[in-house]
């Protein structure tokens, strides 16, 4: 992992540490694959694969925004986890996966890019296997300010998934320095 952080640089290390902290926080069930919703640069998928997980990642096939269709495969190839990651185009609001397919579902800075966050959170819960967790990581105000100042001045506001958590699911909220973490079980 340290070698991968060196190869992929500080940006990846920052996001890896966020994913790593969540994996330490939750106990994922068995060998079920993990789902990364909103591939983007592929940082979450690569981080999860570096922990030894099989990962399915995806975003809408017709997403032509500046946040989609990044060079995730190249990141995975550089650190030897390309075979552990499967890319499948899908919309977060209508996932093509069976109920209870994934041991964990991760959204790293993606919910605020989804057109219907309620449907996306419902779908994440639907495809989650018993004993798993949905982990939604949304940038907080400090991170949004950084992004708008240094990268994308028109970046959308973060989305709080709290009102969309399905009945019967538990929610834990963790406020970190640059991200708010929402764990749905």
N, C-alpha and C. Protein backbone atom coordinates (compact mmCIF):
# COMPACT_ATOMS: atom_id res chain seq x y z
N UNK A 1 0.83 -1.19 0.00
CA UNK A 1 0.00 0.00 0.00
C UNK A 1 0.87 1.25 0.00
N UNK A 2 1.93 1.25 0.79
CA UNK A 2 2.82 2.42 0.81
C UNK A 2 3.47 2.63 -0.56
N UNK A 3 3.83 1.53 -1.20
CA UNK A 3 4.41 1.64 -2.54
C UNK A 3 3.38 2.22 -3.52
N UNK A 4 2.14 1.79 -3.43
CA UNK A 4 1.08 2.31 -4.30
C UNK A 4 0.87 3.80 -4.05
N UNK A 5 0.92 4.22 -2.80
CA UNK A 5 0.77 5.65 -2.48
C UNK A 5 1.90 6.46 -3.11
N UNK A 6 3.11 5.92 -3.06
CA UNK A 6 4.25 6.61 -3.67
C UNK A 6 4.08 6.70 -5.18
N UNK A 7 3.68 5.60 -5.79
CA UNK A 7 3.51 5.56 -7.25
C UNK A 7 2.42 6.53 -7.71
N UNK A 8 1.29 6.57 -6.99
CA UNK A 8 0.14 7.36 -7.43
C UNK A 8 0.11 8.78 -6.88
N UNK A 9 0.93 9.09 -5.90
CA UNK A 9 1.08 10.47 -5.44
C UNK A 9 0.16 10.89 -4.32
N UNK A 10 0.33 12.17 -3.93
CA UNK A 10 -0.35 12.72 -2.76
C UNK A 10 -1.87 12.74 -2.88
N UNK A 11 -2.39 13.08 -4.06
CA UNK A 11 -3.84 13.10 -4.24
C UNK A 11 -4.43 11.73 -3.93
N UNK A 12 -3.82 10.67 -4.49
CA UNK A 12 -4.32 9.33 -4.23
C UNK A 12 -4.17 8.99 -2.75
N UNK A 13 -3.02 9.32 -2.15
CA UNK A 13 -2.79 9.01 -0.73
C UNK A 13 -3.87 9.61 0.14
N UNK A 14 -4.24 10.86 -0.14
CA UNK A 14 -5.28 11.53 0.63
C UNK A 14 -6.59 10.75 0.57
N UNK A 15 -7.02 10.37 -0.63
CA UNK A 15 -8.27 9.64 -0.79
C UNK A 15 -8.16 8.21 -0.27
N UNK A 16 -6.98 7.59 -0.43
CA UNK A 16 -6.78 6.25 0.11
C UNK A 16 -6.98 6.26 1.62
N UNK A 17 -6.43 7.25 2.29
CA UNK A 17 -6.54 7.32 3.76
C UNK A 17 -8.00 7.46 4.19
N UNK A 18 -8.80 8.18 3.42
CA UNK A 18 -10.23 8.31 3.74
C UNK A 18 -10.91 6.94 3.62
N UNK A 19 -10.65 6.24 2.51
CA UNK A 19 -11.24 4.91 2.30
C UNK A 19 -10.74 3.93 3.37
N UNK A 20 -9.44 3.96 3.64
CA UNK A 20 -8.85 3.06 4.63
C UNK A 20 -9.52 3.25 5.99
N UNK A 21 -9.73 4.48 6.41
CA UNK A 21 -10.38 4.75 7.70
C UNK A 21 -11.78 4.16 7.75
N UNK A 22 -12.51 4.22 6.64
CA UNK A 22 -13.87 3.66 6.62
C UNK A 22 -13.84 2.14 6.67
N UNK A 23 -12.90 1.53 5.96
CA UNK A 23 -12.78 0.08 6.01
C UNK A 23 -12.43 -0.39 7.43
N UNK A 24 -11.63 0.40 8.14
CA UNK A 24 -11.30 0.06 9.53
C UNK A 24 -12.53 0.21 10.43
N UNK A 25 -13.39 1.15 10.09
CA UNK A 25 -14.58 1.46 10.89
C UNK A 25 -15.67 0.40 10.74
N UNK A 26 -15.77 -0.19 9.55
CA UNK A 26 -16.85 -1.15 9.30
C UNK A 26 -16.27 -2.54 9.10
N UNK A 27 -17.03 -3.53 9.45
CA UNK A 27 -16.61 -4.92 9.29
C UNK A 27 -17.42 -5.50 8.15
N UNK A 28 -16.80 -5.63 6.99
CA UNK A 28 -17.53 -6.09 5.81
C UNK A 28 -17.71 -7.60 5.82
N UNK A 29 -18.86 -8.06 5.34
CA UNK A 29 -19.13 -9.50 5.35
C UNK A 29 -18.37 -10.26 4.27
N UNK A 30 -17.79 -11.36 4.66
CA UNK A 30 -17.22 -12.36 3.76
C UNK A 30 -16.52 -11.90 2.51
N UNK A 31 -16.75 -12.67 1.47
CA UNK A 31 -16.07 -12.47 0.20
C UNK A 31 -16.91 -11.70 -0.82
N UNK A 32 -18.04 -11.16 -0.41
CA UNK A 32 -18.89 -10.45 -1.36
C UNK A 32 -18.11 -9.30 -1.99
N UNK A 33 -18.32 -9.05 -3.28
CA UNK A 33 -17.63 -7.94 -3.93
C UNK A 33 -18.13 -6.60 -3.38
N UNK A 34 -17.36 -5.56 -3.63
CA UNK A 34 -17.73 -4.21 -3.21
C UNK A 34 -18.14 -3.41 -4.44
N UNK A 35 -19.00 -2.42 -4.23
CA UNK A 35 -19.46 -1.55 -5.31
C UNK A 35 -18.96 -0.14 -5.06
N UNK A 36 -18.36 0.44 -6.09
CA UNK A 36 -17.94 1.84 -6.07
C UNK A 36 -18.85 2.58 -7.04
N UNK A 37 -19.70 3.45 -6.53
CA UNK A 37 -20.66 4.19 -7.35
C UNK A 37 -20.06 5.54 -7.72
N UNK A 38 -19.86 5.76 -9.03
CA UNK A 38 -19.27 7.01 -9.50
C UNK A 38 -17.77 6.90 -9.63
N UNK A 39 -17.30 6.23 -10.65
CA UNK A 39 -15.89 5.90 -10.80
C UNK A 39 -14.97 7.12 -10.78
N UNK A 40 -15.26 8.13 -11.60
CA UNK A 40 -14.40 9.30 -11.67
C UNK A 40 -12.96 8.90 -11.97
N UNK A 41 -12.04 9.33 -11.12
CA UNK A 41 -10.62 8.99 -11.27
C UNK A 41 -10.33 7.55 -10.86
N UNK A 42 -11.26 6.90 -10.19
CA UNK A 42 -11.05 5.52 -9.77
C UNK A 42 -10.33 5.37 -8.45
N UNK A 43 -10.18 6.45 -7.72
CA UNK A 43 -9.42 6.38 -6.47
C UNK A 43 -10.05 5.41 -5.47
N UNK A 44 -11.38 5.46 -5.34
CA UNK A 44 -12.04 4.56 -4.39
C UNK A 44 -11.89 3.11 -4.83
N UNK A 45 -12.14 2.83 -6.10
CA UNK A 45 -12.03 1.46 -6.60
C UNK A 45 -10.62 0.91 -6.40
N UNK A 46 -9.62 1.71 -6.71
CA UNK A 46 -8.22 1.27 -6.55
C UNK A 46 -7.90 1.06 -5.07
N UNK A 47 -8.33 1.97 -4.22
CA UNK A 47 -8.08 1.83 -2.78
C UNK A 47 -8.72 0.56 -2.23
N UNK A 48 -9.96 0.29 -2.62
CA UNK A 48 -10.65 -0.92 -2.17
C UNK A 48 -9.94 -2.17 -2.69
N UNK A 49 -9.52 -2.15 -3.94
CA UNK A 49 -8.81 -3.29 -4.53
C UNK A 49 -7.46 -3.52 -3.85
N UNK A 50 -6.79 -2.44 -3.46
CA UNK A 50 -5.51 -2.59 -2.75
C UNK A 50 -5.68 -3.29 -1.41
N UNK A 51 -6.89 -3.25 -0.87
CA UNK A 51 -7.19 -3.97 0.37
C UNK A 51 -7.57 -5.42 0.11
N UNK A 52 -7.49 -5.85 -1.15
CA UNK A 52 -7.74 -7.24 -1.49
C UNK A 52 -9.17 -7.55 -1.91
N UNK A 53 -9.99 -6.54 -2.08
CA UNK A 53 -11.39 -6.75 -2.46
C UNK A 53 -11.57 -6.79 -3.97
N UNK A 54 -12.54 -7.56 -4.42
CA UNK A 54 -13.02 -7.48 -5.81
C UNK A 54 -13.99 -6.31 -5.83
N UNK A 55 -13.87 -5.46 -6.85
CA UNK A 55 -14.64 -4.22 -6.89
C UNK A 55 -15.34 -4.09 -8.24
N UNK A 56 -16.61 -3.74 -8.19
CA UNK A 56 -17.34 -3.33 -9.39
C UNK A 56 -17.48 -1.82 -9.27
N UNK A 57 -17.14 -1.11 -10.33
CA UNK A 57 -17.24 0.34 -10.33
C UNK A 57 -17.97 0.78 -11.59
N UNK A 58 -18.59 1.94 -11.51
CA UNK A 58 -19.29 2.42 -12.69
C UNK A 58 -19.87 3.80 -12.52
N UNK A 59 -20.24 4.34 -13.66
CA UNK A 59 -20.91 5.63 -13.78
C UNK A 59 -21.75 5.56 -15.05
N UNK A 60 -22.64 6.50 -15.27
CA UNK A 60 -23.48 6.44 -16.47
C UNK A 60 -22.65 6.46 -17.76
N UNK A 61 -23.04 5.63 -18.70
CA UNK A 61 -22.34 5.56 -19.99
C UNK A 61 -22.38 6.88 -20.73
N UNK A 62 -23.45 7.65 -20.53
CA UNK A 62 -23.60 8.91 -21.26
C UNK A 62 -23.13 10.12 -20.46
N UNK A 63 -22.44 9.90 -19.35
CA UNK A 63 -21.95 11.02 -18.53
C UNK A 63 -20.76 11.66 -19.24
N UNK A 64 -20.95 12.85 -19.74
CA UNK A 64 -19.86 13.56 -20.42
C UNK A 64 -19.35 14.74 -19.60
N UNK A 65 -19.62 14.72 -18.29
CA UNK A 65 -19.14 15.79 -17.43
C UNK A 65 -17.63 15.68 -17.23
N UNK A 66 -17.04 16.74 -16.74
CA UNK A 66 -15.59 16.75 -16.50
C UNK A 66 -15.19 15.83 -15.34
N UNK A 67 -16.18 15.32 -14.60
CA UNK A 67 -15.88 14.47 -13.45
C UNK A 67 -15.86 12.99 -13.83
N UNK A 68 -16.37 12.64 -14.99
CA UNK A 68 -16.51 11.24 -15.39
C UNK A 68 -15.43 10.83 -16.39
N UNK A 69 -15.39 9.54 -16.64
CA UNK A 69 -14.52 8.95 -17.66
C UNK A 69 -13.05 9.37 -17.51
N UNK A 70 -12.58 9.27 -16.30
CA UNK A 70 -11.18 9.58 -16.02
C UNK A 70 -10.33 8.33 -16.27
N UNK A 71 -9.06 8.45 -16.05
CA UNK A 71 -8.10 7.38 -16.36
C UNK A 71 -7.96 6.39 -15.20
N UNK A 72 -9.10 5.85 -14.72
CA UNK A 72 -9.06 4.94 -13.58
C UNK A 72 -8.24 3.68 -13.90
N UNK A 73 -8.39 3.17 -15.10
CA UNK A 73 -7.71 1.92 -15.46
C UNK A 73 -6.18 2.08 -15.38
N UNK A 74 -5.70 3.23 -15.78
CA UNK A 74 -4.26 3.49 -15.71
C UNK A 74 -3.77 3.49 -14.26
N UNK A 75 -4.55 4.10 -13.35
CA UNK A 75 -4.19 4.07 -11.92
C UNK A 75 -4.12 2.62 -11.43
N UNK A 76 -5.14 1.84 -11.77
CA UNK A 76 -5.19 0.45 -11.34
C UNK A 76 -4.03 -0.36 -11.90
N UNK A 77 -3.71 -0.13 -13.16
CA UNK A 77 -2.61 -0.85 -13.81
C UNK A 77 -1.28 -0.52 -13.14
N UNK A 78 -1.05 0.74 -12.82
CA UNK A 78 0.22 1.16 -12.22
C UNK A 78 0.52 0.44 -10.91
N UNK A 79 -0.54 0.06 -10.17
CA UNK A 79 -0.31 -0.56 -8.87
C UNK A 79 -0.76 -2.03 -8.84
N UNK A 80 -1.05 -2.61 -10.01
CA UNK A 80 -1.29 -4.03 -10.12
C UNK A 80 -2.62 -4.54 -9.62
N UNK A 81 -3.66 -3.69 -9.65
CA UNK A 81 -4.97 -4.15 -9.18
C UNK A 81 -6.04 -4.11 -10.28
N UNK A 82 -5.63 -3.95 -11.52
CA UNK A 82 -6.58 -3.84 -12.63
C UNK A 82 -7.49 -5.06 -12.71
N UNK A 83 -6.96 -6.25 -12.46
CA UNK A 83 -7.76 -7.47 -12.55
C UNK A 83 -8.81 -7.58 -11.45
N UNK A 84 -8.64 -6.84 -10.36
CA UNK A 84 -9.59 -6.90 -9.25
C UNK A 84 -10.77 -5.95 -9.45
N UNK A 85 -10.71 -5.12 -10.49
CA UNK A 85 -11.74 -4.10 -10.71
C UNK A 85 -12.47 -4.37 -12.02
N UNK A 86 -13.79 -4.35 -11.94
CA UNK A 86 -14.63 -4.49 -13.13
C UNK A 86 -15.41 -3.20 -13.32
N UNK A 87 -15.32 -2.62 -14.49
CA UNK A 87 -16.10 -1.41 -14.79
C UNK A 87 -17.38 -1.81 -15.51
N UNK A 88 -18.49 -1.28 -15.03
CA UNK A 88 -19.78 -1.51 -15.67
C UNK A 88 -20.54 -0.19 -15.67
N UNK A 89 -20.91 0.32 -16.85
CA UNK A 89 -21.67 1.57 -16.85
C UNK A 89 -23.06 1.36 -16.25
N UNK A 90 -23.45 2.26 -15.36
CA UNK A 90 -24.78 2.21 -14.75
C UNK A 90 -25.11 3.57 -14.15
N UNK A 91 -26.38 3.77 -13.92
CA UNK A 91 -26.86 4.98 -13.23
C UNK A 91 -27.12 4.62 -11.78
N UNK A 92 -26.71 5.49 -10.89
CA UNK A 92 -26.87 5.23 -9.46
C UNK A 92 -28.34 5.08 -9.07
N UNK A 93 -29.22 5.72 -9.82
CA UNK A 93 -30.65 5.69 -9.50
C UNK A 93 -31.34 4.42 -9.99
N UNK A 94 -30.71 3.67 -10.87
CA UNK A 94 -31.29 2.44 -11.43
C UNK A 94 -30.16 1.45 -11.70
N UNK A 95 -29.71 0.79 -10.66
CA UNK A 95 -28.58 -0.11 -10.80
C UNK A 95 -29.01 -1.47 -11.38
N UNK A 96 -28.20 -2.04 -12.25
CA UNK A 96 -28.55 -3.31 -12.89
C UNK A 96 -28.12 -4.54 -12.09
N UNK A 97 -28.06 -4.41 -10.78
CA UNK A 97 -27.58 -5.50 -9.93
C UNK A 97 -28.72 -6.10 -9.11
N UNK A 98 -28.60 -7.37 -8.81
CA UNK A 98 -29.60 -8.06 -7.98
C UNK A 98 -29.55 -7.54 -6.55
N UNK A 99 -30.65 -7.72 -5.84
CA UNK A 99 -30.70 -7.37 -4.42
C UNK A 99 -29.59 -8.10 -3.67
N UNK A 100 -29.04 -7.42 -2.67
CA UNK A 100 -28.06 -8.00 -1.74
C UNK A 100 -26.83 -8.59 -2.43
N UNK A 101 -26.34 -7.92 -3.45
CA UNK A 101 -25.18 -8.41 -4.22
C UNK A 101 -23.84 -8.04 -3.59
N UNK A 102 -23.75 -6.88 -2.95
CA UNK A 102 -22.45 -6.34 -2.54
C UNK A 102 -22.30 -6.29 -1.02
N UNK A 103 -21.11 -6.65 -0.56
CA UNK A 103 -20.80 -6.59 0.87
C UNK A 103 -20.65 -5.17 1.38
N UNK A 104 -20.33 -4.26 0.50
CA UNK A 104 -20.21 -2.85 0.84
C UNK A 104 -20.42 -2.02 -0.40
N UNK A 105 -21.02 -0.84 -0.20
CA UNK A 105 -21.25 0.09 -1.30
C UNK A 105 -20.60 1.41 -0.91
N UNK A 106 -19.77 1.95 -1.81
CA UNK A 106 -19.02 3.17 -1.52
C UNK A 106 -19.33 4.24 -2.56
N UNK A 107 -19.51 5.46 -2.07
CA UNK A 107 -19.67 6.62 -2.94
C UNK A 107 -18.72 7.70 -2.42
N UNK A 108 -17.64 7.92 -3.12
CA UNK A 108 -16.65 8.92 -2.71
C UNK A 108 -16.86 10.19 -3.53
N UNK A 109 -17.47 11.18 -2.91
CA UNK A 109 -17.69 12.46 -3.57
C UNK A 109 -18.56 12.35 -4.81
N UNK A 110 -19.55 11.48 -4.78
CA UNK A 110 -20.37 11.25 -5.97
C UNK A 110 -21.84 11.60 -5.79
N UNK A 111 -22.37 11.53 -4.59
CA UNK A 111 -23.81 11.70 -4.41
C UNK A 111 -24.28 13.06 -4.93
N UNK A 112 -23.48 14.09 -4.75
CA UNK A 112 -23.90 15.43 -5.20
C UNK A 112 -23.87 15.58 -6.72
N UNK A 113 -23.40 14.58 -7.42
CA UNK A 113 -23.43 14.59 -8.89
C UNK A 113 -24.61 13.78 -9.45
N UNK A 114 -25.38 13.16 -8.59
CA UNK A 114 -26.49 12.30 -8.99
C UNK A 114 -27.76 13.15 -9.10
N UNK A 115 -28.55 12.89 -10.14
CA UNK A 115 -29.76 13.71 -10.35
C UNK A 115 -30.86 13.43 -9.33
N UNK A 116 -30.95 12.20 -8.82
CA UNK A 116 -31.97 11.86 -7.82
C UNK A 116 -31.30 11.14 -6.65
N UNK A 117 -30.79 11.91 -5.68
CA UNK A 117 -30.07 11.29 -4.57
C UNK A 117 -30.92 10.31 -3.75
N UNK A 118 -32.21 10.58 -3.61
CA UNK A 118 -33.07 9.65 -2.87
C UNK A 118 -33.06 8.28 -3.54
N UNK A 119 -33.25 8.25 -4.85
CA UNK A 119 -33.25 6.98 -5.58
C UNK A 119 -31.89 6.30 -5.47
N UNK A 120 -30.81 7.08 -5.54
CA UNK A 120 -29.46 6.50 -5.45
C UNK A 120 -29.22 5.85 -4.10
N UNK A 121 -29.60 6.51 -3.01
CA UNK A 121 -29.42 5.95 -1.67
C UNK A 121 -30.28 4.70 -1.50
N UNK A 122 -31.49 4.73 -2.03
CA UNK A 122 -32.37 3.56 -1.99
C UNK A 122 -31.75 2.39 -2.74
N UNK A 123 -31.20 2.66 -3.92
CA UNK A 123 -30.55 1.61 -4.71
C UNK A 123 -29.31 1.06 -4.01
N UNK A 124 -28.52 1.93 -3.41
CA UNK A 124 -27.34 1.47 -2.66
C UNK A 124 -27.76 0.52 -1.55
N UNK A 125 -28.84 0.83 -0.86
CA UNK A 125 -29.35 -0.02 0.22
C UNK A 125 -29.90 -1.33 -0.33
N UNK A 126 -30.54 -1.27 -1.48
CA UNK A 126 -31.13 -2.48 -2.08
C UNK A 126 -30.06 -3.51 -2.46
N UNK A 127 -28.95 -3.05 -3.01
CA UNK A 127 -27.92 -3.98 -3.49
C UNK A 127 -26.95 -4.40 -2.38
N UNK A 128 -27.14 -3.89 -1.17
CA UNK A 128 -26.26 -4.19 -0.04
C UNK A 128 -26.62 -5.53 0.59
N UNK A 129 -25.62 -6.39 0.76
CA UNK A 129 -25.82 -7.68 1.42
C UNK A 129 -26.03 -7.48 2.92
N UNK A 130 -26.73 -8.42 3.56
CA UNK A 130 -26.91 -8.33 5.01
C UNK A 130 -25.55 -8.25 5.73
N UNK A 131 -25.49 -7.39 6.72
CA UNK A 131 -24.27 -7.20 7.48
C UNK A 131 -23.29 -6.22 6.87
N UNK A 132 -23.60 -5.72 5.69
CA UNK A 132 -22.71 -4.77 5.01
C UNK A 132 -23.01 -3.33 5.39
N UNK A 133 -22.37 -2.41 4.70
CA UNK A 133 -22.57 -0.99 4.96
C UNK A 133 -22.47 -0.20 3.66
N UNK A 134 -23.31 0.80 3.57
CA UNK A 134 -23.19 1.80 2.52
C UNK A 134 -22.37 2.92 3.12
N UNK A 135 -21.33 3.34 2.43
CA UNK A 135 -20.43 4.39 2.92
C UNK A 135 -20.44 5.54 1.91
N UNK A 136 -21.12 6.61 2.27
CA UNK A 136 -21.21 7.78 1.41
C UNK A 136 -20.29 8.85 1.99
N UNK A 137 -19.34 9.29 1.20
CA UNK A 137 -18.36 10.30 1.64
C UNK A 137 -18.56 11.55 0.78
N UNK A 138 -19.06 12.60 1.42
CA UNK A 138 -19.34 13.84 0.72
C UNK A 138 -18.41 14.94 1.22
N UNK A 139 -17.88 15.76 0.31
CA UNK A 139 -17.00 16.85 0.75
C UNK A 139 -17.78 17.82 1.64
N UNK A 140 -17.10 18.31 2.68
CA UNK A 140 -17.75 19.30 3.54
C UNK A 140 -17.46 20.70 3.00
N UNK A 141 -17.89 21.73 3.71
CA UNK A 141 -17.75 23.11 3.23
C UNK A 141 -16.30 23.48 2.96
N UNK A 142 -15.37 23.05 3.81
CA UNK A 142 -13.95 23.38 3.61
C UNK A 142 -13.43 22.75 2.32
N UNK A 143 -13.80 21.52 2.06
CA UNK A 143 -13.34 20.83 0.85
C UNK A 143 -13.98 21.44 -0.39
N UNK A 144 -15.25 21.78 -0.32
CA UNK A 144 -15.92 22.41 -1.47
C UNK A 144 -15.23 23.74 -1.80
N UNK A 145 -14.90 24.49 -0.79
CA UNK A 145 -14.20 25.76 -1.02
C UNK A 145 -12.85 25.52 -1.69
N UNK A 146 -12.12 24.51 -1.23
CA UNK A 146 -10.83 24.16 -1.84
C UNK A 146 -11.03 23.77 -3.31
N UNK A 147 -12.01 22.91 -3.58
CA UNK A 147 -12.26 22.46 -4.95
C UNK A 147 -12.62 23.64 -5.84
N UNK A 148 -13.50 24.50 -5.35
CA UNK A 148 -13.94 25.65 -6.16
C UNK A 148 -12.81 26.65 -6.38
N UNK A 149 -11.93 26.79 -5.43
CA UNK A 149 -10.82 27.73 -5.57
C UNK A 149 -9.71 27.18 -6.46
N UNK A 150 -9.45 25.87 -6.35
CA UNK A 150 -8.28 25.31 -7.02
C UNK A 150 -8.54 24.45 -8.25
N UNK A 151 -9.78 23.99 -8.43
CA UNK A 151 -10.02 23.06 -9.52
C UNK A 151 -11.23 23.40 -10.37
N UNK A 152 -12.40 23.39 -9.76
CA UNK A 152 -13.65 23.55 -10.51
C UNK A 152 -14.51 24.62 -9.83
N UNK A 153 -14.47 25.84 -10.34
CA UNK A 153 -15.20 26.94 -9.70
C UNK A 153 -16.71 26.71 -9.66
N UNK A 154 -17.21 25.85 -10.52
CA UNK A 154 -18.65 25.60 -10.60
C UNK A 154 -19.06 24.28 -9.95
N UNK A 155 -18.22 23.75 -9.09
CA UNK A 155 -18.51 22.45 -8.46
C UNK A 155 -19.80 22.55 -7.64
N UNK A 156 -20.67 21.52 -7.74
CA UNK A 156 -21.94 21.56 -7.00
C UNK A 156 -21.74 21.42 -5.48
N UNK A 157 -22.75 21.87 -4.74
CA UNK A 157 -22.75 21.71 -3.29
C UNK A 157 -22.86 20.24 -2.93
N UNK A 158 -22.36 19.86 -1.74
CA UNK A 158 -22.50 18.47 -1.30
C UNK A 158 -23.96 18.15 -1.00
N UNK A 159 -24.26 16.86 -0.98
CA UNK A 159 -25.61 16.39 -0.66
C UNK A 159 -25.57 15.58 0.62
N UNK A 160 -26.43 15.92 1.56
CA UNK A 160 -26.56 15.17 2.81
C UNK A 160 -27.59 14.07 2.58
N UNK A 161 -27.18 12.80 2.66
CA UNK A 161 -28.11 11.69 2.39
C UNK A 161 -29.06 11.38 3.54
N UNK A 162 -28.91 12.04 4.67
CA UNK A 162 -29.69 11.71 5.86
C UNK A 162 -31.20 11.59 5.59
N UNK A 163 -31.82 12.54 4.87
CA UNK A 163 -33.27 12.41 4.65
C UNK A 163 -33.67 11.24 3.75
N UNK A 164 -32.69 10.63 3.08
CA UNK A 164 -33.00 9.58 2.11
C UNK A 164 -32.73 8.16 2.62
N UNK A 165 -32.27 8.04 3.86
CA UNK A 165 -31.95 6.72 4.41
C UNK A 165 -33.24 5.92 4.53
N UNK A 166 -33.29 4.74 3.91
CA UNK A 166 -34.51 3.94 3.97
C UNK A 166 -34.89 3.55 5.39
N UNK A 167 -36.17 3.46 5.63
CA UNK A 167 -36.71 3.03 6.92
C UNK A 167 -36.12 1.67 7.28
N UNK A 168 -35.75 1.53 8.54
CA UNK A 168 -35.18 0.26 9.01
C UNK A 168 -33.66 0.20 8.92
N UNK A 169 -33.05 1.19 8.30
CA UNK A 169 -31.58 1.25 8.20
C UNK A 169 -31.04 2.20 9.27
N UNK A 170 -29.91 1.86 9.86
CA UNK A 170 -29.25 2.71 10.84
C UNK A 170 -28.28 3.65 10.12
N UNK A 171 -28.14 4.85 10.62
CA UNK A 171 -27.23 5.85 10.05
C UNK A 171 -26.25 6.32 11.11
N UNK A 172 -24.99 6.33 10.74
CA UNK A 172 -23.94 6.91 11.58
C UNK A 172 -23.28 8.01 10.75
N UNK A 173 -23.12 9.19 11.33
CA UNK A 173 -22.51 10.31 10.64
C UNK A 173 -21.20 10.66 11.33
N UNK A 174 -20.14 10.80 10.54
CA UNK A 174 -18.81 11.15 11.05
C UNK A 174 -18.35 12.40 10.31
N UNK A 175 -18.00 13.42 11.06
CA UNK A 175 -17.51 14.66 10.45
C UNK A 175 -15.99 14.67 10.54
N UNK A 176 -15.36 14.63 9.37
CA UNK A 176 -13.90 14.64 9.30
C UNK A 176 -13.44 16.03 8.84
N UNK A 177 -12.15 16.20 8.70
CA UNK A 177 -11.60 17.51 8.35
C UNK A 177 -12.11 18.02 7.00
N UNK A 178 -12.21 17.16 6.00
CA UNK A 178 -12.62 17.62 4.67
C UNK A 178 -13.83 16.88 4.10
N UNK A 179 -14.25 15.82 4.77
CA UNK A 179 -15.39 15.04 4.30
C UNK A 179 -16.33 14.73 5.44
N UNK A 180 -17.61 14.63 5.11
CA UNK A 180 -18.60 14.08 6.03
C UNK A 180 -18.87 12.65 5.54
N UNK A 181 -18.84 11.72 6.47
CA UNK A 181 -19.00 10.32 6.16
C UNK A 181 -20.35 9.86 6.70
N UNK A 182 -21.12 9.18 5.85
CA UNK A 182 -22.42 8.66 6.23
C UNK A 182 -22.39 7.15 6.07
N UNK A 183 -22.51 6.41 7.17
CA UNK A 183 -22.53 4.96 7.13
C UNK A 183 -23.96 4.49 7.34
N UNK A 184 -24.47 3.76 6.37
CA UNK A 184 -25.84 3.25 6.44
C UNK A 184 -25.73 1.74 6.55
N UNK A 185 -26.38 1.18 7.56
CA UNK A 185 -26.34 -0.27 7.78
C UNK A 185 -27.75 -0.83 7.81
